[in-house]
Amino acid sequence: MTPSQKRNLSVAAAGVGAFFLARAVRRRTSYDFGGKSVVITGGSRGLGLVLARQLADQGARLTLVARSEEELSRAVDDIRTRQPFAEILVVPADVRRRYDAERTIAEARERFGGIDVLINNAGIIQVGPVAHMKLADYQDAMETHFWGPLYTTLAVLPHMRDQGEGRIVNISSIGGRIGVPHLVPYSASKFALAGLSDSLRYELARHRILVTTVFPGLMRTGSPLNATFKGRHPEEFAWFAISDSLPLATIDAERAAYQILEACRRGDAELVITLQAKLAILARTMAPELFAKAMTFINGLLPPSTGVEGDRLKLGRNSQSAWAPSSLTTRTYRAAIENNEM
């Protein structure tokens, strides 16, 4: 074993030890979501909707934020079929615009008298070879995953400081810890969110504002149908939708949402969801060169770039083929129906 490998192994071992020590001594909390005012961006479908359902079950007062009024209306109907008396404010807004983000926080405060929890969940997924990604794709990803959470956070911080506490949950991704081929704008922007989230936690803890950074692995939310694709559209959508349906490599959205809310309740610094994601992060830490070779090999299995037609952006629902939908993507389509992604 080379000195470099020994050093990496020591770092990894120390990290594993620290992880288990933290789990053993971390403070349990009786933090109750009942009656709490919770703002969820991207709350009309997918993971955001699942989080909203579970919070409604626990008696939280919800502010759901999304760009589509129609999707928000369906989300409210969905939640009220389960919790008829849930308190829900809907704010049609694009949090990538600072004014909209500030307006969202102001409306939530006016309706519920304050904000206890902010969940920055709004996201987009852009899939395709880097050869087809344009500057606008990176800008869109950064506006959604970095600037949007920053705007909402800056808007809510003065209020949380005044009330003496608060919780902020930032939904990054395994792609925010490990670069993923054919997801370059997405990964880059999720890395940016992770850096913002970690740094804020260190500074805000003295104000009793606890920031939790979440790194989900593959979740069955139904999101591939609303992801955007470039390159060989049907092939890109097929591999992405199939990957999102694999039973041993993905997690059910309800289980993921439960873990996120429990991490928020405890005030954890970080949550990595799925064993596969945790192992990938560990492998990247211990053997970066070997891991890079493995990811390069995986990239070689993905669809190659194509002509100028590949520069066109298409939704997953408009990129279907014999492979998707098929029996290989049953779980993705089922989740899409359940979570307002259709």
C-alpha atoms as a PDB file:
ATOM      1  CA  MET A   1       0.000   0.000   0.000  1.00  0.00           C
ATOM      2  CA  THR A   2       1.386   3.378  -1.014  1.00  0.00           C
ATOM      3  CA  PRO A   3       1.744   6.273   1.493  1.00  0.00           C
ATOM      4  CA  SER A   4      -1.077   8.078  -0.277  1.00  0.00           C
ATOM      5  CA  GLN A   5      -3.391   5.090   0.055  1.00  0.00           C
ATOM      6  CA  LYS A   6      -2.467   4.703   3.735  1.00  0.00           C
ATOM      7  CA  ARG A   7      -3.244   8.367   4.319  1.00  0.00           C
ATOM      8  CA  ASN A   8      -6.605   8.073   2.573  1.00  0.00           C
ATOM      9  CA  LEU A   9      -7.418   4.961   4.574  1.00  0.00           C
ATOM     10  CA  SER A  10      -6.571   6.730   7.828  1.00  0.00           C
ATOM     11  CA  VAL A  11      -8.753   9.695   6.897  1.00  0.00           C
ATOM     12  CA  ALA A  12     -11.632   7.408   6.001  1.00  0.00           C
ATOM     13  CA  ALA A  13     -11.255   5.412   9.220  1.00  0.00           C
ATOM     14  CA  ALA A  14     -11.235   8.614  11.260  1.00  0.00           C
ATOM     15  CA  GLY A  15     -14.332   9.784   9.422  1.00  0.00           C
ATOM     16  CA  VAL A  16     -16.160   6.522  10.090  1.00  0.00           C
ATOM     17  CA  GLY A  17     -15.178   6.699  13.766  1.00  0.00           C
ATOM     18  CA  ALA A  18     -16.385  10.275  14.064  1.00  0.00           C
ATOM     19  CA  PHE A  19     -19.658   9.353  12.384  1.00  0.00           C
ATOM     20  CA  PHE A  20     -20.471   6.586  14.826  1.00  0.00           C
ATOM     21  CA  LEU A  21     -19.350   8.671  17.803  1.00  0.00           C
ATOM     22  CA  ALA A  22     -21.643  11.492  16.701  1.00  0.00           C
ATOM     23  CA  ARG A  23     -24.550   9.063  16.338  1.00  0.00           C
ATOM     24  CA  ALA A  24     -23.894   7.736  19.840  1.00  0.00           C
ATOM     25  CA  VAL A  25     -23.767  11.096  21.609  1.00  0.00           C
ATOM     26  CA  ARG A  26     -26.017  13.351  19.542  1.00  0.00           C
ATOM     27  CA  ARG A  27     -28.772  14.980  21.510  1.00  0.00           C
ATOM     28  CA  ARG A  28     -32.259  13.636  21.053  1.00  0.00           C
ATOM     29  CA  THR A  29     -34.859  16.346  20.840  1.00  0.00           C
ATOM     30  CA  SER A  30     -38.550  16.574  21.488  1.00  0.00           C
ATOM     31  CA  TYR A  31     -38.933  19.086  18.627  1.00  0.00           C
ATOM     32  CA  ASP A  32     -42.535  18.817  17.520  1.00  0.00           C
ATOM     33  CA  PHE A  33     -43.748  19.874  14.062  1.00  0.00           C
ATOM     34  CA  GLY A  34     -47.288  20.268  15.399  1.00  0.00           C
ATOM     35  CA  GLY A  35     -48.323  23.899  15.004  1.00  0.00           C
ATOM     36  CA  LYS A  36     -45.015  24.825  13.393  1.00  0.00           C
ATOM     37  CA  SER A  37     -44.980  27.051  10.316  1.00  0.00           C
ATOM     38  CA  VAL A  38     -43.079  25.237   7.562  1.00  0.00           C
ATOM     39  CA  VAL A  39     -42.218  26.641   4.128  1.00  0.00           C
ATOM     40  CA  ILE A  40     -41.480  24.084   1.407  1.00  0.00           C
ATOM     41  CA  THR A  41     -40.177  25.259  -1.953  1.00  0.00           C
ATOM     42  CA  GLY A  42     -40.952  22.870  -4.781  1.00  0.00           C
ATOM     43  CA  GLY A  43     -43.814  21.688  -2.612  1.00  0.00           C
ATOM     44  CA  SER A  44     -46.326  20.857  -5.323  1.00  0.00           C
ATOM     45  CA  ARG A  45     -44.964  17.504  -6.461  1.00  0.00           C
ATOM     46  CA  GLY A  46     -42.312  14.845  -5.949  1.00  0.00           C
ATOM     47  CA  LEU A  47     -40.342  14.861  -2.720  1.00  0.00           C
ATOM     48  CA  GLY A  48     -41.747  18.255  -1.730  1.00  0.00           C
ATOM     49  CA  LEU A  49     -45.301  16.936  -1.834  1.00  0.00           C
ATOM     50  CA  VAL A  50     -44.365  13.814   0.129  1.00  0.00           C
ATOM     51  CA  LEU A  51     -42.727  15.986   2.800  1.00  0.00           C
ATOM     52  CA  ALA A  52     -45.851  18.166   2.889  1.00  0.00           C
ATOM     53  CA  ARG A  53     -48.112  15.135   3.400  1.00  0.00           C
ATOM     54  CA  GLN A  54     -46.057  13.889   6.330  1.00  0.00           C
ATOM     55  CA  LEU A  55     -45.838  17.330   7.912  1.00  0.00           C
ATOM     56  CA  ALA A  56     -49.602  17.786   7.537  1.00  0.00           C
ATOM     57  CA  ASP A  57     -50.068  14.457   9.326  1.00  0.00           C
ATOM     58  CA  GLN A  58     -47.986  15.894  12.183  1.00  0.00           C
ATOM     59  CA  GLY A  59     -50.041  19.068  12.398  1.00  0.00           C
ATOM     60  CA  ALA A  60     -47.661  21.527  10.753  1.00  0.00           C
ATOM     61  CA  ARG A  61     -48.987  24.668   9.096  1.00  0.00           C
ATOM     62  CA  LEU A  62     -47.726  24.585   5.533  1.00  0.00           C
ATOM     63  CA  THR A  63     -46.661  27.105   2.949  1.00  0.00           C
ATOM     64  CA  LEU A  64     -46.239  25.354  -0.406  1.00  0.00           C
ATOM     65  CA  VAL A  65     -44.275  27.182  -3.076  1.00  0.00           C
ATOM     66  CA  ALA A  66     -44.063  26.299  -6.783  1.00  0.00           C
ATOM     67  CA  ARG A  67     -44.257  27.992 -10.159  1.00  0.00           C
ATOM     68  CA  SER A  68     -47.432  26.237 -11.312  1.00  0.00           C
ATOM     69  CA  GLU A  69     -50.752  27.252  -9.749  1.00  0.00           C
ATOM     70  CA  GLU A  70     -52.361  24.167 -11.254  1.00  0.00           C
ATOM     71  CA  GLU A  71     -49.838  21.841  -9.625  1.00  0.00           C
ATOM     72  CA  LEU A  72     -50.245  23.650  -6.299  1.00  0.00           C
ATOM     73  CA  SER A  73     -54.008  23.251  -6.487  1.00  0.00           C
ATOM     74  CA  ARG A  74     -53.674  19.506  -7.089  1.00  0.00           C
ATOM     75  CA  ALA A  75     -51.206  19.240  -4.215  1.00  0.00           C
ATOM     76  CA  VAL A  76     -53.612  20.916  -1.803  1.00  0.00           C
ATOM     77  CA  ASP A  77     -56.433  18.611  -2.917  1.00  0.00           C
ATOM     78  CA  ASP A  78     -54.120  15.627  -2.406  1.00  0.00           C
ATOM     79  CA  ILE A  79     -53.148  16.667   1.121  1.00  0.00           C
ATOM     80  CA  ARG A  80     -56.710  17.500   2.155  1.00  0.00           C
ATOM     81  CA  THR A  81     -57.987  14.101   1.075  1.00  0.00           C
ATOM     82  CA  ARG A  82     -55.710  12.803   3.860  1.00  0.00           C
ATOM     83  CA  GLN A  83     -55.925  15.728   6.313  1.00  0.00           C
ATOM     84  CA  PRO A  84     -59.139  17.683   5.609  1.00  0.00           C
ATOM     85  CA  PHE A  85     -58.345  20.411   8.147  1.00  0.00           C
ATOM     86  CA  ALA A  86     -54.689  20.947   7.232  1.00  0.00           C
ATOM     87  CA  GLU A  87     -53.655  24.605   7.276  1.00  0.00           C
ATOM     88  CA  ILE A  88     -52.094  25.308   3.885  1.00  0.00           C
ATOM     89  CA  LEU A  89     -51.015  28.509   2.185  1.00  0.00           C
ATOM     90  CA  VAL A  90     -50.031  28.238  -1.485  1.00  0.00           C
ATOM     91  CA  VAL A  91     -47.687  30.780  -3.016  1.00  0.00           C
ATOM     92  CA  PRO A  92     -47.235  30.606  -6.793  1.00  0.00           C
ATOM     93  CA  ALA A  93     -43.687  31.921  -7.114  1.00  0.00           C
ATOM     94  CA  ASP A  94     -40.332  31.380  -8.792  1.00  0.00           C
ATOM     95  CA  VAL A  95     -37.807  31.500  -5.958  1.00  0.00           C
ATOM     96  CA  ARG A  96     -35.022  31.955  -8.496  1.00  0.00           C
ATOM     97  CA  ARG A  97     -36.201  35.562  -8.527  1.00  0.00           C
ATOM     98  CA  ARG A  98     -35.254  37.409  -5.360  1.00  0.00           C
ATOM     99  CA  TYR A  99     -38.499  39.365  -5.243  1.00  0.00           C
ATOM    100  CA  ASP A 100     -40.543  36.155  -5.417  1.00  0.00           C
ATOM    101  CA  ALA A 101     -38.465  34.551  -2.668  1.00  0.00           C
ATOM    102  CA  GLU A 102     -38.889  37.551  -0.389  1.00  0.00           C
ATOM    103  CA  ARG A 103     -42.604  37.748  -1.174  1.00  0.00           C
ATOM    104  CA  THR A 104     -42.987  34.075  -0.296  1.00  0.00           C
ATOM    105  CA  ILE A 105     -41.426  34.533   3.127  1.00  0.00           C
ATOM    106  CA  ALA A 106     -43.466  37.693   3.761  1.00  0.00           C
ATOM    107  CA  GLU A 107     -46.758  35.965   2.864  1.00  0.00           C
ATOM    108  CA  ALA A 108     -45.964  32.967   5.070  1.00  0.00           C
ATOM    109  CA  ARG A 109     -45.138  35.235   8.012  1.00  0.00           C
ATOM    110  CA  GLU A 110     -48.301  37.259   7.524  1.00  0.00           C
ATOM    111  CA  ARG A 111     -50.509  34.167   7.328  1.00  0.00           C
ATOM    112  CA  PHE A 112     -48.997  32.136  10.169  1.00  0.00           C
ATOM    113  CA  GLY A 113     -47.307  34.793  12.294  1.00  0.00           C
ATOM    114  CA  GLY A 114     -43.831  33.395  11.759  1.00  0.00           C
ATOM    115  CA  ILE A 115     -41.696  30.716  10.121  1.00  0.00           C
ATOM    116  CA  ASP A 116     -40.149  27.887  12.099  1.00  0.00           C
ATOM    117  CA  VAL A 117     -38.789  25.674   9.330  1.00  0.00           C
ATOM    118  CA  LEU A 118     -37.636  26.413   5.783  1.00  0.00           C
ATOM    119  CA  ILE A 119     -37.132  23.463   3.435  1.00  0.00           C
ATOM    120  CA  ASN A 120     -35.295  24.446   0.254  1.00  0.00           C
ATOM    121  CA  ASN A 121     -36.411  21.603  -1.973  1.00  0.00           C
ATOM    122  CA  ALA A 122     -37.124  23.213  -5.375  1.00  0.00           C
ATOM    123  CA  GLY A 123     -35.011  21.609  -8.058  1.00  0.00           C
ATOM    124  CA  ILE A 124     -34.543  20.776 -11.697  1.00  0.00           C
ATOM    125  CA  ILE A 125     -32.729  17.879 -13.353  1.00  0.00           C
ATOM    126  CA  GLN A 126     -30.901  18.310 -16.655  1.00  0.00           C
ATOM    127  CA  VAL A 127     -29.642  15.093 -18.238  1.00  0.00           C
ATOM    128  CA  GLY A 128     -27.358  14.734 -21.247  1.00  0.00           C
ATOM    129  CA  PRO A 129     -23.753  14.824 -22.473  1.00  0.00           C
ATOM    130  CA  VAL A 130     -21.695  17.884 -21.591  1.00  0.00           C
ATOM    131  CA  ALA A 131     -21.233  18.499 -25.327  1.00  0.00           C
ATOM    132  CA  HIS A 132     -24.903  19.521 -25.534  1.00  0.00           C
ATOM    133  CA  MET A 133     -25.036  21.608 -22.362  1.00  0.00           C
ATOM    134  CA  LYS A 134     -24.986  25.350 -22.965  1.00  0.00           C
ATOM    135  CA  LEU A 135     -24.184  28.227 -20.625  1.00  0.00           C
ATOM    136  CA  ALA A 136     -27.918  28.744 -20.086  1.00  0.00           C
ATOM    137  CA  ASP A 137     -28.201  25.220 -18.643  1.00  0.00           C
ATOM    138  CA  TYR A 138     -25.584  26.001 -15.990  1.00  0.00           C
ATOM    139  CA  GLN A 139     -27.222  29.337 -15.236  1.00  0.00           C
ATOM    140  CA  ASP A 140     -30.618  27.684 -14.844  1.00  0.00           C
ATOM    141  CA  ALA A 141     -29.201  25.051 -12.483  1.00  0.00           C
ATOM    142  CA  MET A 142     -27.361  27.637 -10.374  1.00  0.00           C
ATOM    143  CA  GLU A 143     -30.397  29.917 -10.172  1.00  0.00           C
ATOM    144  CA  THR A 144     -32.540  27.009  -9.001  1.00  0.00           C
ATOM    145  CA  HIS A 145     -30.186  25.170  -6.654  1.00  0.00           C
ATOM    146  CA  PHE A 146     -27.984  27.986  -5.329  1.00  0.00           C
ATOM    147  CA  TRP A 147     -29.551  31.418  -5.753  1.00  0.00           C
ATOM    148  CA  GLY A 148     -33.101  30.278  -4.933  1.00  0.00           C
ATOM    149  CA  PRO A 149     -32.121  28.735  -1.561  1.00  0.00           C
ATOM    150  CA  LEU A 150     -29.888  31.720  -0.847  1.00  0.00           C
ATOM    151  CA  TYR A 151     -32.717  34.179  -1.514  1.00  0.00           C
ATOM    152  CA  THR A 152     -35.223  32.358   0.698  1.00  0.00           C
ATOM    153  CA  THR A 153     -32.637  31.876   3.444  1.00  0.00           C
ATOM    154  CA  LEU A 154     -31.588  35.523   3.493  1.00  0.00           C
ATOM    155  CA  ALA A 155     -35.251  36.504   3.606  1.00  0.00           C
ATOM    156  CA  VAL A 156     -36.081  34.254   6.560  1.00  0.00           C
ATOM    157  CA  LEU A 157     -32.935  34.774   8.668  1.00  0.00           C
ATOM    158  CA  PRO A 158     -33.865  38.109  10.294  1.00  0.00           C
ATOM    159  CA  HIS A 159     -37.134  36.624  11.514  1.00  0.00           C
ATOM    160  CA  MET A 160     -35.509  33.428  12.821  1.00  0.00           C
ATOM    161  CA  ARG A 161     -32.871  35.468  14.644  1.00  0.00           C
ATOM    162  CA  ASP A 162     -35.583  37.619  16.234  1.00  0.00           C
ATOM    163  CA  GLN A 163     -37.573  34.612  17.405  1.00  0.00           C
ATOM    164  CA  GLY A 164     -34.424  32.977  18.777  1.00  0.00           C
ATOM    165  CA  GLU A 165     -34.438  29.762  16.775  1.00  0.00           C
ATOM    166  CA  GLY A 166     -35.239  28.093  13.475  1.00  0.00           C
ATOM    167  CA  ARG A 167     -34.454  25.207  11.216  1.00  0.00           C
ATOM    168  CA  ILE A 168     -33.367  25.218   7.580  1.00  0.00           C
ATOM    169  CA  VAL A 169     -33.171  22.086   5.442  1.00  0.00           C
ATOM    170  CA  ASN A 170     -31.340  22.241   2.122  1.00  0.00           C
ATOM    171  CA  ILE A 171     -31.976  19.339  -0.252  1.00  0.00           C
ATOM    172  CA  SER A 172     -28.765  18.794  -2.180  1.00  0.00           C
ATOM    173  CA  SER A 173     -28.032  15.408  -3.816  1.00  0.00           C
ATOM    174  CA  ILE A 174     -25.497  12.619  -3.992  1.00  0.00           C
ATOM    175  CA  GLY A 175     -24.594  14.601  -7.107  1.00  0.00           C
ATOM    176  CA  GLY A 176     -23.582  17.368  -4.687  1.00  0.00           C
ATOM    177  CA  ARG A 177     -20.895  15.139  -3.180  1.00  0.00           C
ATOM    178  CA  ILE A 178     -19.873  13.119  -6.241  1.00  0.00           C
ATOM    179  CA  GLY A 179     -19.709  14.448  -9.776  1.00  0.00           C
ATOM    180  CA  VAL A 180     -22.050  12.469 -12.020  1.00  0.00           C
ATOM    181  CA  PRO A 181     -21.570  12.120 -15.803  1.00  0.00           C
ATOM    182  CA  HIS A 182     -24.417  13.419 -17.978  1.00  0.00           C
ATOM    183  CA  LEU A 183     -25.525  15.561 -15.009  1.00  0.00           C
ATOM    184  CA  VAL A 184     -22.816  18.215 -15.051  1.00  0.00           C
ATOM    185  CA  PRO A 185     -24.907  21.410 -14.527  1.00  0.00           C
ATOM    186  CA  TYR A 186     -26.994  19.605 -11.918  1.00  0.00           C
ATOM    187  CA  SER A 187     -23.970  18.286  -9.999  1.00  0.00           C
ATOM    188  CA  ALA A 188     -22.082  21.574 -10.112  1.00  0.00           C
ATOM    189  CA  SER A 189     -25.043  23.506  -8.706  1.00  0.00           C
ATOM    190  CA  LYS A 190     -25.747  20.920  -6.017  1.00  0.00           C
ATOM    191  CA  PHE A 191     -22.091  21.129  -4.920  1.00  0.00           C
ATOM    192  CA  ALA A 192     -22.584  24.886  -4.616  1.00  0.00           C
ATOM    193  CA  LEU A 193     -25.685  24.388  -2.454  1.00  0.00           C
ATOM    194  CA  ALA A 194     -23.802  21.962  -0.210  1.00  0.00           C
ATOM    195  CA  GLY A 195     -21.024  24.498   0.359  1.00  0.00           C
ATOM    196  CA  LEU A 196     -23.513  27.244   1.130  1.00  0.00           C
ATOM    197  CA  SER A 197     -25.463  25.009   3.490  1.00  0.00           C
ATOM    198  CA  ASP A 198     -22.444  23.763   5.450  1.00  0.00           C
ATOM    199  CA  SER A 199     -20.981  27.234   5.857  1.00  0.00           C
ATOM    200  CA  LEU A 200     -24.268  28.703   7.022  1.00  0.00           C
ATOM    201  CA  ARG A 201     -24.650  26.007   9.668  1.00  0.00           C
ATOM    202  CA  TYR A 202     -21.383  26.965  11.346  1.00  0.00           C
ATOM    203  CA  GLU A 203     -22.297  30.648  11.531  1.00  0.00           C
ATOM    204  CA  LEU A 204     -25.975  30.332  12.402  1.00  0.00           C
ATOM    205  CA  ALA A 205     -25.705  27.742  15.168  1.00  0.00           C
ATOM    206  CA  ARG A 206     -25.025  30.432  17.779  1.00  0.00           C
ATOM    207  CA  HIS A 207     -28.430  31.906  16.937  1.00  0.00           C
ATOM    208  CA  ARG A 208     -30.033  28.477  17.494  1.00  0.00           C
ATOM    209  CA  ILE A 209     -30.742  28.249  13.777  1.00  0.00           C
ATOM    210  CA  LEU A 210     -29.875  24.696  12.753  1.00  0.00           C
ATOM    211  CA  VAL A 211     -29.072  23.986   9.100  1.00  0.00           C
ATOM    212  CA  THR A 212     -29.315  20.436   7.771  1.00  0.00           C
ATOM    213  CA  THR A 213     -27.808  19.465   4.413  1.00  0.00           C
ATOM    214  CA  VAL A 214     -29.462  16.461   2.761  1.00  0.00           C
ATOM    215  CA  PHE A 215     -27.747  14.303   0.150  1.00  0.00           C
ATOM    216  CA  PRO A 216     -30.297  11.849  -1.257  1.00  0.00           C
ATOM    217  CA  GLY A 217     -29.288   9.002  -3.494  1.00  0.00           C
ATOM    218  CA  LEU A 218     -31.748   7.766  -6.102  1.00  0.00           C
ATOM    219  CA  MET A 219     -35.339   8.264  -4.916  1.00  0.00           C
ATOM    220  CA  ARG A 220     -38.515   6.969  -6.485  1.00  0.00           C
ATOM    221  CA  THR A 221     -40.440  10.253  -6.708  1.00  0.00           C
ATOM    222  CA  GLY A 222     -41.444  10.085 -10.377  1.00  0.00           C
ATOM    223  CA  SER A 223     -39.211  13.042 -11.258  1.00  0.00           C
ATOM    224  CA  PRO A 224     -37.746  11.655 -14.519  1.00  0.00           C
ATOM    225  CA  LEU A 225     -40.933  12.597 -16.371  1.00  0.00           C
ATOM    226  CA  ASN A 226     -40.329  16.257 -15.525  1.00  0.00           C
ATOM    227  CA  ALA A 227     -36.557  16.183 -15.937  1.00  0.00           C
ATOM    228  CA  THR A 228     -35.142  17.747 -19.102  1.00  0.00           C
ATOM    229  CA  PHE A 229     -32.995  15.850 -21.563  1.00  0.00           C
ATOM    230  CA  LYS A 230     -30.477  16.659 -24.265  1.00  0.00           C
ATOM    231  CA  GLY A 231     -28.533  14.481 -26.679  1.00  0.00           C
ATOM    232  CA  ARG A 232     -30.195  11.254 -27.769  1.00  0.00           C
ATOM    233  CA  HIS A 233     -33.396  12.048 -25.927  1.00  0.00           C
ATOM    234  CA  PRO A 234     -35.127   8.616 -25.814  1.00  0.00           C
ATOM    235  CA  GLU A 235     -31.913   6.859 -24.798  1.00  0.00           C
ATOM    236  CA  GLU A 236     -31.051   9.422 -22.128  1.00  0.00           C
ATOM    237  CA  PHE A 237     -34.539   9.244 -20.679  1.00  0.00           C
ATOM    238  CA  ALA A 238     -34.514   5.436 -20.749  1.00  0.00           C
ATOM    239  CA  TRP A 239     -31.323   5.004 -18.707  1.00  0.00           C
ATOM    240  CA  PHE A 240     -32.378   7.663 -16.240  1.00  0.00           C
ATOM    241  CA  ALA A 241     -35.910   6.314 -15.749  1.00  0.00           C
ATOM    242  CA  ILE A 242     -34.680   2.715 -15.462  1.00  0.00           C
ATOM    243  CA  SER A 243     -32.040   3.714 -12.889  1.00  0.00           C
ATOM    244  CA  ASP A 244     -34.741   5.513 -10.927  1.00  0.00           C
ATOM    245  CA  SER A 245     -36.831   2.330 -10.804  1.00  0.00           C
ATOM    246  CA  LEU A 246     -34.251  -0.187  -9.610  1.00  0.00           C
ATOM    247  CA  PRO A 247     -35.562  -1.657  -6.343  1.00  0.00           C
ATOM    248  CA  LEU A 248     -32.160  -2.309  -4.734  1.00  0.00           C
ATOM    249  CA  ALA A 249     -30.559   0.976  -5.815  1.00  0.00           C
ATOM    250  CA  THR A 250     -33.362   3.413  -5.001  1.00  0.00           C
ATOM    251  CA  ILE A 251     -35.415   4.418  -1.994  1.00  0.00           C
ATOM    252  CA  ASP A 252     -39.135   4.968  -1.697  1.00  0.00           C
ATOM    253  CA  ALA A 253     -39.985   8.685  -1.449  1.00  0.00           C
ATOM    254  CA  GLU A 254     -41.980   8.187   1.761  1.00  0.00           C
ATOM    255  CA  ARG A 255     -39.006   6.590   3.521  1.00  0.00           C
ATOM    256  CA  ALA A 256     -36.691   9.327   2.290  1.00  0.00           C
ATOM    257  CA  ALA A 257     -39.063  12.057   3.472  1.00  0.00           C
ATOM    258  CA  TYR A 258     -39.351  10.428   6.894  1.00  0.00           C
ATOM    259  CA  GLN A 259     -35.562  10.384   7.255  1.00  0.00           C
ATOM    260  CA  ILE A 260     -35.345  14.040   6.218  1.00  0.00           C
ATOM    261  CA  LEU A 261     -37.911  15.150   8.772  1.00  0.00           C
ATOM    262  CA  GLU A 262     -36.252  13.128  11.511  1.00  0.00           C
ATOM    263  CA  ALA A 263     -32.883  14.730  10.661  1.00  0.00           C
ATOM    264  CA  CYS A 264     -34.554  18.150  10.790  1.00  0.00           C
ATOM    265  CA  ARG A 265     -36.214  17.272  14.111  1.00  0.00           C
ATOM    266  CA  ARG A 266     -32.835  16.314  15.609  1.00  0.00           C
ATOM    267  CA  GLY A 267     -31.081  19.279  14.026  1.00  0.00           C
ATOM    268  CA  ASP A 268     -28.507  17.044  12.311  1.00  0.00           C
ATOM    269  CA  ALA A 269     -25.780  18.711  10.288  1.00  0.00           C
ATOM    270  CA  GLU A 270     -26.002  16.227   7.433  1.00  0.00           C
ATOM    271  CA  LEU A 271     -28.072  13.367   6.118  1.00  0.00           C
ATOM    272  CA  VAL A 272     -26.992  10.996   3.355  1.00  0.00           C
ATOM    273  CA  ILE A 273     -29.869   8.869   2.125  1.00  0.00           C
ATOM    274  CA  THR A 274     -29.360   5.275   0.906  1.00  0.00           C
ATOM    275  CA  LEU A 275     -26.569   2.871   1.724  1.00  0.00           C
ATOM    276  CA  GLN A 276     -25.406   3.010  -1.894  1.00  0.00           C
ATOM    277  CA  ALA A 277     -24.878   6.768  -1.651  1.00  0.00           C
ATOM    278  CA  LYS A 278     -22.922   6.395   1.595  1.00  0.00           C
ATOM    279  CA  LEU A 279     -20.699   3.715   0.088  1.00  0.00           C
ATOM    280  CA  ALA A 280     -20.093   5.819  -3.036  1.00  0.00           C
ATOM    281  CA  ILE A 281     -18.979   8.773  -0.922  1.00  0.00           C
ATOM    282  CA  LEU A 282     -16.695   6.516   1.120  1.00  0.00           C
ATOM    283  CA  ALA A 283     -15.204   4.999  -2.034  1.00  0.00           C
ATOM    284  CA  ARG A 284     -14.603   8.457  -3.494  1.00  0.00           C
ATOM    285  CA  THR A 285     -12.794   9.471  -0.287  1.00  0.00           C
ATOM    286  CA  MET A 286     -10.666   6.350   0.086  1.00  0.00           C
ATOM    287  CA  ALA A 287      -9.712   5.675  -3.536  1.00  0.00           C
ATOM    288  CA  PRO A 288     -10.297   8.796  -5.674  1.00  0.00           C
ATOM    289  CA  GLU A 289      -8.250   7.588  -8.655  1.00  0.00           C
ATOM    290  CA  LEU A 290      -9.934   4.197  -8.778  1.00  0.00           C
ATOM    291  CA  PHE A 291     -13.319   5.821  -8.299  1.00  0.00           C
ATOM    292  CA  ALA A 292     -12.631   8.238 -11.164  1.00  0.00           C
ATOM    293  CA  LYS A 293     -11.785   5.317 -13.430  1.00  0.00           C
ATOM    294  CA  ALA A 294     -15.012   3.567 -12.473  1.00  0.00           C
ATOM    295  CA  MET A 295     -17.077   6.677 -13.213  1.00  0.00           C
ATOM    296  CA  THR A 296     -15.249   7.119 -16.518  1.00  0.00           C
ATOM    297  CA  PHE A 297     -16.167   3.549 -17.394  1.00  0.00           C
ATOM    298  CA  ILE A 298     -19.817   4.220 -16.512  1.00  0.00           C
ATOM    299  CA  ASN A 299     -19.776   7.313 -18.691  1.00  0.00           C
ATOM    300  CA  GLY A 300     -18.656   5.134 -21.585  1.00  0.00           C
ATOM    301  CA  LEU A 301     -21.835   3.077 -21.203  1.00  0.00           C
ATOM    302  CA  LEU A 302     -24.085   6.137 -21.497  1.00  0.00           C
ATOM    303  CA  PRO A 303     -25.422   7.407 -24.834  1.00  0.00           C
ATOM    304  CA  PRO A 304     -22.857   9.386 -26.851  1.00  0.00           C
ATOM    305  CA  SER A 305     -23.494  12.923 -28.049  1.00  0.00           C
ATOM    306  CA  THR A 306     -25.238  13.463 -31.367  1.00  0.00           C
ATOM    307  CA  GLY A 307     -25.819  16.263 -33.881  1.00  0.00           C
ATOM    308  CA  VAL A 308     -27.333  19.705 -33.381  1.00  0.00           C
ATOM    309  CA  GLU A 309     -30.742  18.148 -32.720  1.00  0.00           C
ATOM    310  CA  GLY A 310     -29.278  16.982 -29.418  1.00  0.00           C
ATOM    311  CA  ASP A 311     -28.991  20.596 -28.245  1.00  0.00           C
ATOM    312  CA  ARG A 312     -32.770  20.803 -28.013  1.00  0.00           C
ATOM    313  CA  LEU A 313     -34.224  20.493 -24.536  1.00  0.00           C
ATOM    314  CA  LYS A 314     -37.054  17.958 -24.135  1.00  0.00           C
ATOM    315  CA  LEU A 315     -39.003  16.834 -21.102  1.00  0.00           C
ATOM    316  CA  GLY A 316     -38.828  13.209 -20.079  1.00  0.00           C
ATOM    317  CA  ARG A 317     -42.527  12.772 -20.812  1.00  0.00           C
ATOM    318  CA  ASN A 318     -41.737  13.788 -24.414  1.00  0.00           C
ATOM    319  CA  SER A 319     -38.724  11.462 -24.734  1.00  0.00           C
ATOM    320  CA  GLN A 320     -40.369   8.086 -24.242  1.00  0.00           C
ATOM    321  CA  SER A 321     -39.496   4.910 -26.128  1.00  0.00           C
ATOM    322  CA  ALA A 322     -39.965   1.161 -26.044  1.00  0.00           C
ATOM    323  CA  TRP A 323     -37.685   1.046 -22.983  1.00  0.00           C
ATOM    324  CA  ALA A 324     -39.502   3.742 -21.041  1.00  0.00           C
ATOM    325  CA  PRO A 325     -42.275   3.219 -20.211  1.00  0.00           C
ATOM    326  CA  SER A 326     -41.794  -0.521 -19.866  1.00  0.00           C
ATOM    327  CA  SER A 327     -41.709  -3.124 -17.120  1.00  0.00           C
ATOM    328  CA  LEU A 328     -38.266  -1.753 -16.222  1.00  0.00           C
ATOM    329  CA  THR A 329     -39.710   1.641 -15.319  1.00  0.00           C
ATOM    330  CA  THR A 330     -42.914   0.575 -13.567  1.00  0.00           C
ATOM    331  CA  ARG A 331     -41.853   2.032 -10.208  1.00  0.00           C
ATOM    332  CA  THR A 332     -40.961   5.404 -11.741  1.00  0.00           C
ATOM    333  CA  TYR A 333     -44.334   5.776 -13.438  1.00  0.00           C
ATOM    334  CA  ARG A 334     -46.208   4.573 -10.376  1.00  0.00           C
ATOM    335  CA  ALA A 335     -44.407   7.164  -8.252  1.00  0.00           C
ATOM    336  CA  ALA A 336     -45.155   9.837 -10.850  1.00  0.00           C
ATOM    337  CA  ILE A 337     -48.871   9.136 -10.557  1.00  0.00           C
ATOM    338  CA  GLU A 338     -48.765   9.103  -6.757  1.00  0.00           C
ATOM    339  CA  ASN A 339     -46.694  12.278  -6.411  1.00  0.00           C
ATOM    340  CA  ASN A 340     -48.316  14.697  -8.896  1.00  0.00           C
ATOM    341  CA  GLU A 341     -45.497  14.289 -11.455  1.00  0.00           C
ATOM    342  CA  MET A 342     -47.805  13.312 -14.351  1.00  0.00           C
END
